[in-house]
All heavy atoms as atom14 arrays in JSON, in Angstrom:
{
  "sequence": "AASAEDYLVILIDTAGHKELDGAAVRTLLQRNVEGLIVAAEFHR",
  "atom14_mask": [
    [1, 1, 1, 1, 1, 0, 0, 0, 0, 0, 0, 0, 0, 0],
    [1, 1, 1, 1, 1, 0, 0, 0, 0, 0, 0, 0, 0, 0],
    [1, 1, 1, 1, 1, 1, 0, 0, 0, 0, 0, 0, 0, 0],
    [1, 1, 1, 1, 1, 0, 0, 0, 0, 0, 0, 0, 0, 0],
    [1, 1, 1, 1, 1, 1, 1, 1, 1, 0, 0, 0, 0, 0],
    [1, 1, 1, 1, 1, 1, 1, 1, 0, 0, 0, 0, 0, 0],
    [1, 1, 1, 1, 1, 1, 1, 1, 1, 1, 1, 1, 0, 0],
    [1, 1, 1, 1, 1, 1, 1, 1, 0, 0, 0, 0, 0, 0],
    [1, 1, 1, 1, 1, 1, 1, 0, 0, 0, 0, 0, 0, 0],
    [1, 1, 1, 1, 1, 1, 1, 1, 0, 0, 0, 0, 0, 0],
    [1, 1, 1, 1, 1, 1, 1, 1, 0, 0, 0, 0, 0, 0],
    [1, 1, 1, 1, 1, 1, 1, 1, 0, 0, 0, 0, 0, 0],
    [1, 1, 1, 1, 1, 1, 1, 1, 0, 0, 0, 0, 0, 0],
    [1, 1, 1, 1, 1, 1, 1, 0, 0, 0, 0, 0, 0, 0],
    [1, 1, 1, 1, 1, 0, 0, 0, 0, 0, 0, 0, 0, 0],
    [1, 1, 1, 1, 0, 0, 0, 0, 0, 0, 0, 0, 0, 0],
    [1, 1, 1, 1, 1, 1, 1, 1, 1, 1, 0, 0, 0, 0],
    [1, 1, 1, 1, 1, 1, 1, 1, 1, 0, 0, 0, 0, 0],
    [1, 1, 1, 1, 1, 1, 1, 1, 1, 0, 0, 0, 0, 0],
    [1, 1, 1, 1, 1, 1, 1, 1, 0, 0, 0, 0, 0, 0],
    [1, 1, 1, 1, 1, 1, 1, 1, 0, 0, 0, 0, 0, 0],
    [1, 1, 1, 1, 0, 0, 0, 0, 0, 0, 0, 0, 0, 0],
    [1, 1, 1, 1, 1, 0, 0, 0, 0, 0, 0, 0, 0, 0],
    [1, 1, 1, 1, 1, 0, 0, 0, 0, 0, 0, 0, 0, 0],
    [1, 1, 1, 1, 1, 1, 1, 0, 0, 0, 0, 0, 0, 0],
    [1, 1, 1, 1, 1, 1, 1, 1, 1, 1, 1, 0, 0, 0],
    [1, 1, 1, 1, 1, 1, 1, 0, 0, 0, 0, 0, 0, 0],
    [1, 1, 1, 1, 1, 1, 1, 1, 0, 0, 0, 0, 0, 0],
    [1, 1, 1, 1, 1, 1, 1, 1, 0, 0, 0, 0, 0, 0],
    [1, 1, 1, 1, 1, 1, 1, 1, 1, 0, 0, 0, 0, 0],
    [1, 1, 1, 1, 1, 1, 1, 1, 1, 1, 1, 0, 0, 0],
    [1, 1, 1, 1, 1, 1, 1, 1, 0, 0, 0, 0, 0, 0],
    [1, 1, 1, 1, 1, 1, 1, 0, 0, 0, 0, 0, 0, 0],
    [1, 1, 1, 1, 1, 1, 1, 1, 1, 0, 0, 0, 0, 0],
    [1, 1, 1, 1, 0, 0, 0, 0, 0, 0, 0, 0, 0, 0],
    [1, 1, 1, 1, 1, 1, 1, 1, 0, 0, 0, 0, 0, 0],
    [1, 1, 1, 1, 1, 1, 1, 1, 0, 0, 0, 0, 0, 0],
    [1, 1, 1, 1, 1, 1, 1, 0, 0, 0, 0, 0, 0, 0],
    [1, 1, 1, 1, 1, 0, 0, 0, 0, 0, 0, 0, 0, 0],
    [1, 1, 1, 1, 1, 0, 0, 0, 0, 0, 0, 0, 0, 0],
    [1, 1, 1, 1, 1, 1, 1, 1, 1, 0, 0, 0, 0, 0],
    [1, 1, 1, 1, 1, 1, 1, 1, 1, 1, 1, 0, 0, 0],
    [1, 1, 1, 1, 1, 1, 1, 1, 1, 1, 0, 0, 0, 0],
    [1, 1, 1, 1, 1, 1, 1, 1, 1, 1, 1, 0, 0, 0]
  ],
  "atom14_positions": [
    [[189.45, -35.64, 74.48], [188.17, -35.37, 73.79], [187.13, -34.88, 74.76], [186.36, -33.97, 74.48], [187.71, -36.58, 73.03], [0.0, 0.0, 0.0], [0.0, 0.0, 0.0], [0.0, 0.0, 0.0], [0.0, 0.0, 0.0], [0.0, 0.0, 0.0], [0.0, 0.0, 0.0], [0.0, 0.0, 0.0], [0.0, 0.0, 0.0], [0.0, 0.0, 0.0]],
    [[187.1, -35.51, 75.95], [186.12, -35.1, 76.97], [186.41, -33.7, 77.47], [185.5, -32.88, 77.63], [186.12, -36.11, 78.13], [0.0, 0.0, 0.0], [0.0, 0.0, 0.0], [0.0, 0.0, 0.0], [0.0, 0.0, 0.0], [0.0, 0.0, 0.0], [0.0, 0.0, 0.0], [0.0, 0.0, 0.0], [0.0, 0.0, 0.0], [0.0, 0.0, 0.0]],
    [[187.66, -33.41, 77.69], [188.05, -32.13, 78.19], [187.69, -30.99, 77.22], [187.26, -29.92, 77.63], [189.55, -32.06, 78.44], [190.01, -30.8, 78.84], [0.0, 0.0, 0.0], [0.0, 0.0, 0.0], [0.0, 0.0, 0.0], [0.0, 0.0, 0.0], [0.0, 0.0, 0.0], [0.0, 0.0, 0.0], [0.0, 0.0, 0.0], [0.0, 0.0, 0.0]],
    [[187.8, -31.29, 75.94], [187.4, -30.29, 74.91], [185.96, -29.93, 75.0], [185.51, -28.86, 74.56], [187.78, -30.81, 73.55], [0.0, 0.0, 0.0], [0.0, 0.0, 0.0], [0.0, 0.0, 0.0], [0.0, 0.0, 0.0], [0.0, 0.0, 0.0], [0.0, 0.0, 0.0], [0.0, 0.0, 0.0], [0.0, 0.0, 0.0], [0.0, 0.0, 0.0]],
    [[185.14, -30.81, 75.59], [183.71, -30.59, 75.72], [183.34, -30.24, 77.16], [182.13, -30.32, 77.55], [182.91, -31.82, 75.26], [183.15, -32.2, 73.8], [182.51, -31.17, 72.84], [181.63, -30.46, 73.24], [182.99, -31.12, 71.69], [0.0, 0.0, 0.0], [0.0, 0.0, 0.0], [0.0, 0.0, 0.0], [0.0, 0.0, 0.0], [0.0, 0.0, 0.0]],
    [[184.33, -29.87, 77.99], [184.15, -29.54, 79.41], [183.62, -30.74, 80.19], [182.83, -30.54, 81.14], [183.21, -28.34, 79.51], [183.85, -27.06, 78.99], [185.07, -26.92, 79.16], [183.12, -26.26, 78.42], [0.0, 0.0, 0.0], [0.0, 0.0, 0.0], [0.0, 0.0, 0.0], [0.0, 0.0, 0.0], [0.0, 0.0, 0.0], [0.0, 0.0, 0.0]],
    [[184.05, -31.9, 79.84], [183.74, -33.11, 80.62], [185.01, -33.65, 81.25], [186.1, -33.46, 80.75], [183.1, -34.21, 79.74], [181.64, -34.07, 79.53], [181.05, -33.13, 78.67], [180.72, -34.89, 80.24], [179.7, -32.97, 78.47], [179.35, -34.77, 80.11], [178.84, -33.78, 79.22], [177.47, -33.67, 79.05], [0.0, 0.0, 0.0], [0.0, 0.0, 0.0]],
    [[184.81, -34.36, 82.35], [185.91, -35.0, 83.07], [185.76, -36.5, 82.98], [184.63, -37.02, 83.11], [185.91, -34.55, 84.56], [186.91, -35.2, 85.45], [188.34, -34.77, 85.08], [186.67, -34.89, 86.92], [0.0, 0.0, 0.0], [0.0, 0.0, 0.0], [0.0, 0.0, 0.0], [0.0, 0.0, 0.0], [0.0, 0.0, 0.0], [0.0, 0.0, 0.0]],
    [[186.84, -37.24, 82.77], [186.84, -38.7, 82.78], [187.39, -39.21, 84.1], [188.5, -38.83, 84.5], [187.63, -39.28, 81.61], [187.71, -40.8, 81.69], [187.0, -38.87, 80.27], [0.0, 0.0, 0.0], [0.0, 0.0, 0.0], [0.0, 0.0, 0.0], [0.0, 0.0, 0.0], [0.0, 0.0, 0.0], [0.0, 0.0, 0.0], [0.0, 0.0, 0.0]],
    [[186.64, -40.04, 84.79], [187.08, -40.7, 86.02], [187.36, -42.18, 85.68], [186.52, -42.88, 85.23], [186.02, -40.63, 87.13], [185.76, -39.16, 87.5], [186.53, -41.39, 88.36], [184.68, -39.01, 88.58], [0.0, 0.0, 0.0], [0.0, 0.0, 0.0], [0.0, 0.0, 0.0], [0.0, 0.0, 0.0], [0.0, 0.0, 0.0], [0.0, 0.0, 0.0]],
    [[188.61, -42.56, 85.93], [189.05, -43.92, 85.53], [189.14, -44.83, 86.78], [189.68, -44.46, 87.83], [190.42, -43.86, 84.86], [191.22, -45.16, 84.7], [190.5, -46.09, 83.73], [192.62, -44.85, 84.25], [0.0, 0.0, 0.0], [0.0, 0.0, 0.0], [0.0, 0.0, 0.0], [0.0, 0.0, 0.0], [0.0, 0.0, 0.0], [0.0, 0.0, 0.0]],
    [[188.65, -46.05, 86.61], [188.87, -47.14, 87.57], [189.4, -48.34, 86.77], [188.71, -48.83, 85.86], [187.64, -47.55, 88.34], [187.11, -46.38, 89.17], [187.95, -48.76, 89.25], [185.87, -46.72, 89.97], [0.0, 0.0, 0.0], [0.0, 0.0, 0.0], [0.0, 0.0, 0.0], [0.0, 0.0, 0.0], [0.0, 0.0, 0.0], [0.0, 0.0, 0.0]],
    [[190.62, -48.78, 87.06], [191.19, -49.93, 86.39], [191.08, -51.14, 87.34], [191.6, -51.09, 88.45], [192.66, -49.68, 86.03], [193.18, -50.74, 85.07], [193.34, -51.93, 85.52], [193.43, -50.43, 83.92], [0.0, 0.0, 0.0], [0.0, 0.0, 0.0], [0.0, 0.0, 0.0], [0.0, 0.0, 0.0], [0.0, 0.0, 0.0], [0.0, 0.0, 0.0]],
    [[190.4, -52.21, 86.91], [190.18, -53.36, 87.77], [191.29, -54.36, 87.69], [191.23, -55.44, 88.31], [188.89, -54.08, 87.39], [188.92, -54.47, 86.0], [187.67, -53.09, 87.56], [0.0, 0.0, 0.0], [0.0, 0.0, 0.0], [0.0, 0.0, 0.0], [0.0, 0.0, 0.0], [0.0, 0.0, 0.0], [0.0, 0.0, 0.0], [0.0, 0.0, 0.0]],
    [[192.36, -54.08, 86.96], [193.59, -54.95, 86.86], [193.24, -56.34, 86.49], [193.87, -57.33, 86.92], [194.33, -54.88, 88.2], [0.0, 0.0, 0.0], [0.0, 0.0, 0.0], [0.0, 0.0, 0.0], [0.0, 0.0, 0.0], [0.0, 0.0, 0.0], [0.0, 0.0, 0.0], [0.0, 0.0, 0.0], [0.0, 0.0, 0.0], [0.0, 0.0, 0.0]],
    [[192.23, -56.55, 85.67], [191.91, -57.9, 85.18], [191.03, -58.68, 86.13], [190.72, -59.86, 85.86], [0.0, 0.0, 0.0], [0.0, 0.0, 0.0], [0.0, 0.0, 0.0], [0.0, 0.0, 0.0], [0.0, 0.0, 0.0], [0.0, 0.0, 0.0], [0.0, 0.0, 0.0], [0.0, 0.0, 0.0], [0.0, 0.0, 0.0], [0.0, 0.0, 0.0]],
    [[190.63, -58.13, 87.27], [189.82, -58.83, 88.2], [188.34, -58.61, 87.89], [187.76, -57.59, 88.29], [190.14, -58.41, 89.65], [191.54, -58.72, 90.06], [191.99, -59.99, 90.37], [192.59, -57.91, 90.2], [193.24, -59.96, 90.71], [193.65, -58.67, 90.61], [0.0, 0.0, 0.0], [0.0, 0.0, 0.0], [0.0, 0.0, 0.0], [0.0, 0.0, 0.0]],
    [[187.74, -59.56, 87.13], [186.34, -59.37, 86.72], [185.38, -59.16, 87.83], [184.37, -58.45, 87.67], [185.9, -60.57, 85.87], [186.66, -60.75, 84.56], [186.44, -59.56, 83.63], [184.99, -59.48, 83.14], [184.74, -58.35, 82.27], [0.0, 0.0, 0.0], [0.0, 0.0, 0.0], [0.0, 0.0, 0.0], [0.0, 0.0, 0.0], [0.0, 0.0, 0.0]],
    [[185.64, -59.74, 88.98], [184.74, -59.65, 90.14], [184.63, -58.16, 90.66], [183.73, -57.86, 91.42], [185.15, -60.58, 91.29], [186.44, -60.19, 91.97], [187.71, -60.69, 91.28], [187.6, -61.19, 90.11], [188.78, -60.6, 91.9], [0.0, 0.0, 0.0], [0.0, 0.0, 0.0], [0.0, 0.0, 0.0], [0.0, 0.0, 0.0], [0.0, 0.0, 0.0]],
    [[185.6, -57.35, 90.23], [185.56, -55.97, 90.7], [184.77, -55.05, 89.77], [184.54, -53.87, 90.11], [186.98, -55.43, 90.81], [187.92, -56.15, 91.81], [189.26, -55.52, 91.82], [187.3, -56.12, 93.23], [0.0, 0.0, 0.0], [0.0, 0.0, 0.0], [0.0, 0.0, 0.0], [0.0, 0.0, 0.0], [0.0, 0.0, 0.0], [0.0, 0.0, 0.0]],
    [[184.38, -55.54, 88.61], [183.69, -54.7, 87.61], [182.38, -54.09, 88.19], [182.11, -52.9, 88.02], [183.36, -55.46, 86.36], [184.61, -55.77, 85.48], [185.64, -55.23, 85.84], [184.44, -56.48, 84.48], [0.0, 0.0, 0.0], [0.0, 0.0, 0.0], [0.0, 0.0, 0.0], [0.0, 0.0, 0.0], [0.0, 0.0, 0.0], [0.0, 0.0, 0.0]],
    [[181.59, -54.93, 88.83], [180.32, -54.4, 89.36], [180.54, -53.35, 90.41], [179.86, -52.31, 90.37], [0.0, 0.0, 0.0], [0.0, 0.0, 0.0], [0.0, 0.0, 0.0], [0.0, 0.0, 0.0], [0.0, 0.0, 0.0], [0.0, 0.0, 0.0], [0.0, 0.0, 0.0], [0.0, 0.0, 0.0], [0.0, 0.0, 0.0], [0.0, 0.0, 0.0]],
    [[181.5, -53.56, 91.31], [181.79, -52.55, 92.36], [182.3, -51.28, 91.72], [181.97, -50.14, 92.16], [182.76, -53.12, 93.35], [0.0, 0.0, 0.0], [0.0, 0.0, 0.0], [0.0, 0.0, 0.0], [0.0, 0.0, 0.0], [0.0, 0.0, 0.0], [0.0, 0.0, 0.0], [0.0, 0.0, 0.0], [0.0, 0.0, 0.0], [0.0, 0.0, 0.0]],
    [[183.14, -51.36, 90.7], [183.69, -50.2, 90.03], [182.55, -49.38, 89.42], [182.5, -48.14, 89.54], [184.71, -50.62, 88.97], [0.0, 0.0, 0.0], [0.0, 0.0, 0.0], [0.0, 0.0, 0.0], [0.0, 0.0, 0.0], [0.0, 0.0, 0.0], [0.0, 0.0, 0.0], [0.0, 0.0, 0.0], [0.0, 0.0, 0.0], [0.0, 0.0, 0.0]],
    [[181.64, -50.01, 88.72], [180.57, -49.33, 88.07], [179.62, -48.66, 89.13], [179.24, -47.5, 88.95], [179.71, -50.29, 87.15], [178.44, -49.61, 86.65], [180.57, -50.71, 86.0], [0.0, 0.0, 0.0], [0.0, 0.0, 0.0], [0.0, 0.0, 0.0], [0.0, 0.0, 0.0], [0.0, 0.0, 0.0], [0.0, 0.0, 0.0], [0.0, 0.0, 0.0]],
    [[179.34, -49.4, 90.21], [178.51, -48.79, 91.25], [179.16, -47.6, 91.84], [178.5, -46.55, 92.09], [178.24, -49.86, 92.34], [177.24, -50.93, 91.92], [176.78, -51.72, 93.08], [177.88, -52.45, 93.77], [178.29, -53.65, 93.4], [177.7, -54.29, 92.38], [179.31, -54.27, 94.02], [0.0, 0.0, 0.0], [0.0, 0.0, 0.0], [0.0, 0.0, 0.0]],
    [[180.46, -47.64, 92.02], [181.19, -46.47, 92.59], [181.06, -45.29, 91.66], [180.85, -44.18, 92.13], [182.67, -46.84, 92.77], [182.73, -47.91, 93.73], [183.47, -45.68, 93.23], [0.0, 0.0, 0.0], [0.0, 0.0, 0.0], [0.0, 0.0, 0.0], [0.0, 0.0, 0.0], [0.0, 0.0, 0.0], [0.0, 0.0, 0.0], [0.0, 0.0, 0.0]],
    [[181.18, -45.51, 90.36], [181.1, -44.41, 89.42], [179.65, -43.85, 89.35], [179.45, -42.62, 89.33], [181.53, -44.88, 88.03], [183.02, -45.21, 87.9], [183.3, -45.89, 86.57], [183.84, -43.92, 87.99], [0.0, 0.0, 0.0], [0.0, 0.0, 0.0], [0.0, 0.0, 0.0], [0.0, 0.0, 0.0], [0.0, 0.0, 0.0], [0.0, 0.0, 0.0]],
    [[178.66, -44.76, 89.33], [177.28, -44.27, 89.31], [176.9, -43.49, 90.54], [176.12, -42.51, 90.48], [176.32, -45.48, 89.14], [176.4, -46.2, 87.79], [175.5, -47.43, 87.81], [176.05, -45.29, 86.61], [0.0, 0.0, 0.0], [0.0, 0.0, 0.0], [0.0, 0.0, 0.0], [0.0, 0.0, 0.0], [0.0, 0.0, 0.0], [0.0, 0.0, 0.0]],
    [[177.49, -43.87, 91.72], [177.19, -43.15, 92.94], [177.81, -41.74, 92.87], [177.36, -40.9, 93.63], [177.76, -43.93, 94.14], [176.95, -45.18, 94.45], [177.69, -46.12, 95.42], [178.87, -45.85, 95.75], [177.05, -47.21, 95.82], [0.0, 0.0, 0.0], [0.0, 0.0, 0.0], [0.0, 0.0, 0.0], [0.0, 0.0, 0.0], [0.0, 0.0, 0.0]],
    [[178.74, -41.54, 91.98], [179.31, -40.2, 91.83], [178.66, -39.46, 90.66], [179.22, -38.5, 90.16], [180.81, -40.34, 91.63], [181.55, -40.51, 92.95], [182.86, -41.26, 92.85], [183.47, -41.37, 94.17], [183.12, -42.25, 95.07], [182.14, -43.1, 94.84], [183.72, -42.3, 96.25], [0.0, 0.0, 0.0], [0.0, 0.0, 0.0], [0.0, 0.0, 0.0]],
    [[177.5, -39.93, 90.26], [176.64, -39.18, 89.31], [177.26, -39.03, 87.97], [177.04, -38.03, 87.29], [176.28, -37.84, 89.92], [175.0, -37.29, 89.32], [174.12, -38.01, 88.97], [174.9, -35.95, 89.24], [0.0, 0.0, 0.0], [0.0, 0.0, 0.0], [0.0, 0.0, 0.0], [0.0, 0.0, 0.0], [0.0, 0.0, 0.0], [0.0, 0.0, 0.0]],
    [[178.03, -40.03, 87.49], [178.54, -39.97, 86.11], [177.39, -40.01, 85.17], [176.37, -40.65, 85.39], [179.56, -41.1, 85.79], [180.76, -41.02, 86.72], [178.88, -42.45, 85.91], [0.0, 0.0, 0.0], [0.0, 0.0, 0.0], [0.0, 0.0, 0.0], [0.0, 0.0, 0.0], [0.0, 0.0, 0.0], [0.0, 0.0, 0.0], [0.0, 0.0, 0.0]],
    [[177.52, -39.27, 84.08], [176.45, -39.19, 83.08], [176.55, -40.23, 81.98], [175.59, -40.49, 81.26], [176.45, -37.79, 82.44], [176.12, -36.69, 83.44], [176.01, -35.35, 82.77], [175.11, -35.18, 81.89], [176.84, -34.46, 83.04], [0.0, 0.0, 0.0], [0.0, 0.0, 0.0], [0.0, 0.0, 0.0], [0.0, 0.0, 0.0], [0.0, 0.0, 0.0]],
    [[177.71, -40.82, 81.82], [177.94, -41.83, 80.81], [179.01, -42.77, 81.22], [179.77, -42.47, 82.19], [0.0, 0.0, 0.0], [0.0, 0.0, 0.0], [0.0, 0.0, 0.0], [0.0, 0.0, 0.0], [0.0, 0.0, 0.0], [0.0, 0.0, 0.0], [0.0, 0.0, 0.0], [0.0, 0.0, 0.0], [0.0, 0.0, 0.0], [0.0, 0.0, 0.0]],
    [[179.14, -43.93, 80.64], [180.08, -44.98, 80.99], [180.81, -45.49, 79.76], [180.2, -45.78, 78.76], [179.38, -46.1, 81.7], [180.28, -47.24, 82.21], [181.12, -46.74, 83.4], [179.43, -48.44, 82.66], [0.0, 0.0, 0.0], [0.0, 0.0, 0.0], [0.0, 0.0, 0.0], [0.0, 0.0, 0.0], [0.0, 0.0, 0.0], [0.0, 0.0, 0.0]],
    [[182.17, -45.56, 79.88], [183.01, -46.16, 78.83], [183.62, -47.42, 79.46], [184.19, -47.37, 80.52], [184.12, -45.22, 78.34], [183.5, -43.99, 77.68], [185.04, -45.94, 77.39], [184.55, -42.92, 77.32], [0.0, 0.0, 0.0], [0.0, 0.0, 0.0], [0.0, 0.0, 0.0], [0.0, 0.0, 0.0], [0.0, 0.0, 0.0], [0.0, 0.0, 0.0]],
    [[183.46, -48.56, 78.79], [184.06, -49.79, 79.23], [185.21, -50.14, 78.25], [184.98, -50.38, 77.08], [183.02, -50.93, 79.25], [183.69, -52.25, 79.69], [181.89, -50.61, 80.19], [0.0, 0.0, 0.0], [0.0, 0.0, 0.0], [0.0, 0.0, 0.0], [0.0, 0.0, 0.0], [0.0, 0.0, 0.0], [0.0, 0.0, 0.0], [0.0, 0.0, 0.0]],
    [[186.47, -50.08, 78.74], [187.61, -50.27, 77.85], [188.25, -51.65, 78.08], [188.44, -52.07, 79.22], [188.65, -49.21, 78.18], [0.0, 0.0, 0.0], [0.0, 0.0, 0.0], [0.0, 0.0, 0.0], [0.0, 0.0, 0.0], [0.0, 0.0, 0.0], [0.0, 0.0, 0.0], [0.0, 0.0, 0.0], [0.0, 0.0, 0.0], [0.0, 0.0, 0.0]],
    [[188.52, -52.35, 76.97], [189.19, -53.64, 77.0], [190.65, -53.48, 76.66], [191.04, -52.56, 75.97], [188.51, -54.65, 76.0], [0.0, 0.0, 0.0], [0.0, 0.0, 0.0], [0.0, 0.0, 0.0], [0.0, 0.0, 0.0], [0.0, 0.0, 0.0], [0.0, 0.0, 0.0], [0.0, 0.0, 0.0], [0.0, 0.0, 0.0], [0.0, 0.0, 0.0]],
    [[191.51, -54.4, 77.19], [192.92, -54.31, 76.96], [193.33, -54.76, 75.59], [194.42, -54.47, 75.14], [193.72, -55.07, 78.06], [193.81, -56.54, 77.87], [192.62, -57.33, 78.44], [191.52, -56.71, 78.55], [192.78, -58.49, 78.76], [0.0, 0.0, 0.0], [0.0, 0.0, 0.0], [0.0, 0.0, 0.0], [0.0, 0.0, 0.0], [0.0, 0.0, 0.0]],
    [[192.42, -55.5, 74.92], [192.63, -55.85, 73.49], [191.27, -56.12, 72.89], [190.3, -56.31, 73.64], [193.57, -57.03, 73.34], [193.09, -58.31, 73.99], [192.26, -59.18, 73.29], [193.49, -58.64, 75.28], [191.81, -60.35, 73.87], [193.03, -59.83, 75.86], [192.2, -60.66, 75.18], [0.0, 0.0, 0.0], [0.0, 0.0, 0.0], [0.0, 0.0, 0.0]],
    [[191.21, -56.13, 71.57], [189.99, -56.3, 70.85], [189.36, -57.65, 71.17], [189.91, -58.69, 70.82], [190.26, -56.16, 69.34], [189.01, -56.27, 68.49], [189.09, -56.18, 67.11], [187.74, -56.48, 68.79], [187.87, -56.32, 66.6], [187.05, -56.51, 67.59], [0.0, 0.0, 0.0], [0.0, 0.0, 0.0], [0.0, 0.0, 0.0], [0.0, 0.0, 0.0]],
    [[188.22, -57.65, 71.89], [187.59, -58.88, 72.26], [186.07, -58.64, 72.57], [185.66, -57.49, 72.61], [188.24, -59.53, 73.5], [188.18, -58.64, 74.77], [188.82, -59.33, 75.93], [188.84, -58.54, 77.13], [187.79, -58.33, 77.93], [186.64, -58.94, 77.66], [187.86, -57.57, 79.02], [0.0, 0.0, 0.0], [0.0, 0.0, 0.0], [0.0, 0.0, 0.0]]
  ]
}
């Protein structure tokens, strides 16, 4: 869906380590992402 709108999705998977979430988001923001998607492994 992003590609169809000429957008690129950059993925970081924290492998269930919640303490890495903040660092992952900071890394993405430092790369000037325009939006953020937070994906859960199941509905929660």
